[in-house]
């Protein structure tokens, strides 16, 4: 926004606009983080399969490490 436009909008309205943008960006960030995690998991499983592990065997090995 230009300075002239900001002067026409009350401070409360400007704060509301910024809060809305922050909320929207935080939600978008969450969506991107989920997408990133899914992509990383997909690559992990794909690599395991290339090394001869089925997804079930991979899960068993990971669970055994946690025990």
C-alpha atoms as a PDB file:
ATOM      1  CA  UNK A   1       0.000   0.000   0.000  1.00  0.00           C
ATOM      2  CA  UNK A   2       1.048   3.533  -0.626  1.00  0.00           C
ATOM      3  CA  UNK A   3       1.459   5.962   2.256  1.00  0.00           C
ATOM      4  CA  UNK A   4      -1.569   7.986   1.140  1.00  0.00           C
ATOM      5  CA  UNK A   5      -3.716   4.851   1.166  1.00  0.00           C
ATOM      6  CA  UNK A   6      -2.501   3.928   4.647  1.00  0.00           C
ATOM      7  CA  UNK A   7      -3.444   7.328   5.976  1.00  0.00           C
ATOM      8  CA  UNK A   8      -7.014   6.842   4.753  1.00  0.00           C
ATOM      9  CA  UNK A   9      -7.363   3.541   6.624  1.00  0.00           C
ATOM     10  CA  UNK A  10      -7.709   3.611  10.394  1.00  0.00           C
ATOM     11  CA  UNK A  11      -5.012   2.040  12.501  1.00  0.00           C
ATOM     12  CA  UNK A  12      -7.450  -0.594  13.727  1.00  0.00           C
ATOM     13  CA  UNK A  13      -8.304  -1.563  10.144  1.00  0.00           C
ATOM     14  CA  UNK A  14      -4.618  -1.760   9.264  1.00  0.00           C
ATOM     15  CA  UNK A  15      -3.983  -3.995  12.265  1.00  0.00           C
ATOM     16  CA  UNK A  16      -6.894  -6.242  11.254  1.00  0.00           C
ATOM     17  CA  UNK A  17      -5.537  -6.521   7.708  1.00  0.00           C
ATOM     18  CA  UNK A  18      -2.082  -7.438   8.973  1.00  0.00           C
ATOM     19  CA  UNK A  19      -3.496  -9.983  11.433  1.00  0.00           C
ATOM     20  CA  UNK A  20      -5.493 -11.568   8.622  1.00  0.00           C
ATOM     21  CA  UNK A  21      -2.404 -11.760   6.412  1.00  0.00           C
ATOM     22  CA  UNK A  22      -0.382 -13.294   9.255  1.00  0.00           C
ATOM     23  CA  UNK A  23      -3.069 -15.913   9.864  1.00  0.00           C
ATOM     24  CA  UNK A  24      -3.267 -16.724   6.158  1.00  0.00           C
ATOM     25  CA  UNK A  25       0.516 -17.042   5.909  1.00  0.00           C
ATOM     26  CA  UNK A  26       0.700 -19.239   9.016  1.00  0.00           C
ATOM     27  CA  UNK A  27      -1.927 -21.570   7.535  1.00  0.00           C
ATOM     28  CA  UNK A  28      -0.055 -21.682   4.230  1.00  0.00           C
ATOM     29  CA  UNK A  29       3.162 -22.486   6.106  1.00  0.00           C
ATOM     30  CA  UNK A  30       1.427 -25.409   7.856  1.00  0.00           C
ATOM     31  CA  UNK A  31       0.225 -26.722   4.503  1.00  0.00           C
ATOM     32  CA  UNK A  32       3.703 -26.473   3.025  1.00  0.00           C
ATOM     33  CA  UNK A  33       5.252 -28.221   6.034  1.00  0.00           C
ATOM     34  CA  UNK A  34       2.804 -31.117   5.660  1.00  0.00           C
ATOM     35  CA  UNK A  35       3.565 -31.336   1.947  1.00  0.00           C
ATOM     36  CA  UNK A  36       7.300 -31.314   2.680  1.00  0.00           C
ATOM     37  CA  UNK A  37       6.952 -34.091   5.268  1.00  0.00           C
ATOM     38  CA  UNK A  38       4.930 -36.197   2.836  1.00  0.00           C
ATOM     39  CA  UNK A  39       7.512 -35.698   0.119  1.00  0.00           C
ATOM     40  CA  UNK A  40      10.356 -36.632   2.470  1.00  0.00           C
ATOM     41  CA  UNK A  41       8.479 -39.742   3.594  1.00  0.00           C
ATOM     42  CA  UNK A  42       7.747 -40.712  -0.005  1.00  0.00           C
ATOM     43  CA  UNK A  43      11.453 -40.397  -0.891  1.00  0.00           C
ATOM     44  CA  UNK A  44      12.416 -42.382   2.216  1.00  0.00           C
ATOM     45  CA  UNK A  45      10.062 -45.247   1.335  1.00  0.00           C
ATOM     46  CA  UNK A  46      11.169 -45.139  -2.291  1.00  0.00           C
ATOM     47  CA  UNK A  47      14.813 -45.420  -1.255  1.00  0.00           C
ATOM     48  CA  UNK A  48      13.994 -48.295   1.085  1.00  0.00           C
ATOM     49  CA  UNK A  49      12.182 -50.118  -1.712  1.00  0.00           C
ATOM     50  CA  UNK A  50      15.174 -49.631  -4.021  1.00  0.00           C
ATOM     51  CA  UNK A  51      17.262 -51.294  -1.309  1.00  0.00           C
ATOM     52  CA  UNK A  52      14.931 -54.280  -1.190  1.00  0.00           C
ATOM     53  CA  UNK A  53      12.761 -53.355   1.793  1.00  0.00           C
ATOM     54  CA  UNK A  54       8.994 -53.440   1.617  1.00  0.00           C
ATOM     55  CA  UNK A  55       7.136 -50.664   3.428  1.00  0.00           C
ATOM     56  CA  UNK A  56       6.053 -53.235   6.037  1.00  0.00           C
ATOM     57  CA  UNK A  57       9.641 -54.397   6.634  1.00  0.00           C
ATOM     58  CA  UNK A  58      10.805 -50.807   6.841  1.00  0.00           C
ATOM     59  CA  UNK A  59       8.133 -50.107   9.475  1.00  0.00           C
ATOM     60  CA  UNK A  60       9.163 -53.198  11.475  1.00  0.00           C
ATOM     61  CA  UNK A  61      12.811 -52.116  11.450  1.00  0.00           C
ATOM     62  CA  UNK A  62      11.972 -48.581  12.512  1.00  0.00           C
ATOM     63  CA  UNK A  63       9.751 -49.814  15.332  1.00  0.00           C
ATOM     64  CA  UNK A  64      12.455 -52.217  16.487  1.00  0.00           C
ATOM     65  CA  UNK A  65      14.902 -49.319  16.760  1.00  0.00           C
ATOM     66  CA  UNK A  66      12.491 -47.412  19.007  1.00  0.00           C
ATOM     67  CA  UNK A  67      12.123 -50.348  21.417  1.00  0.00           C
END
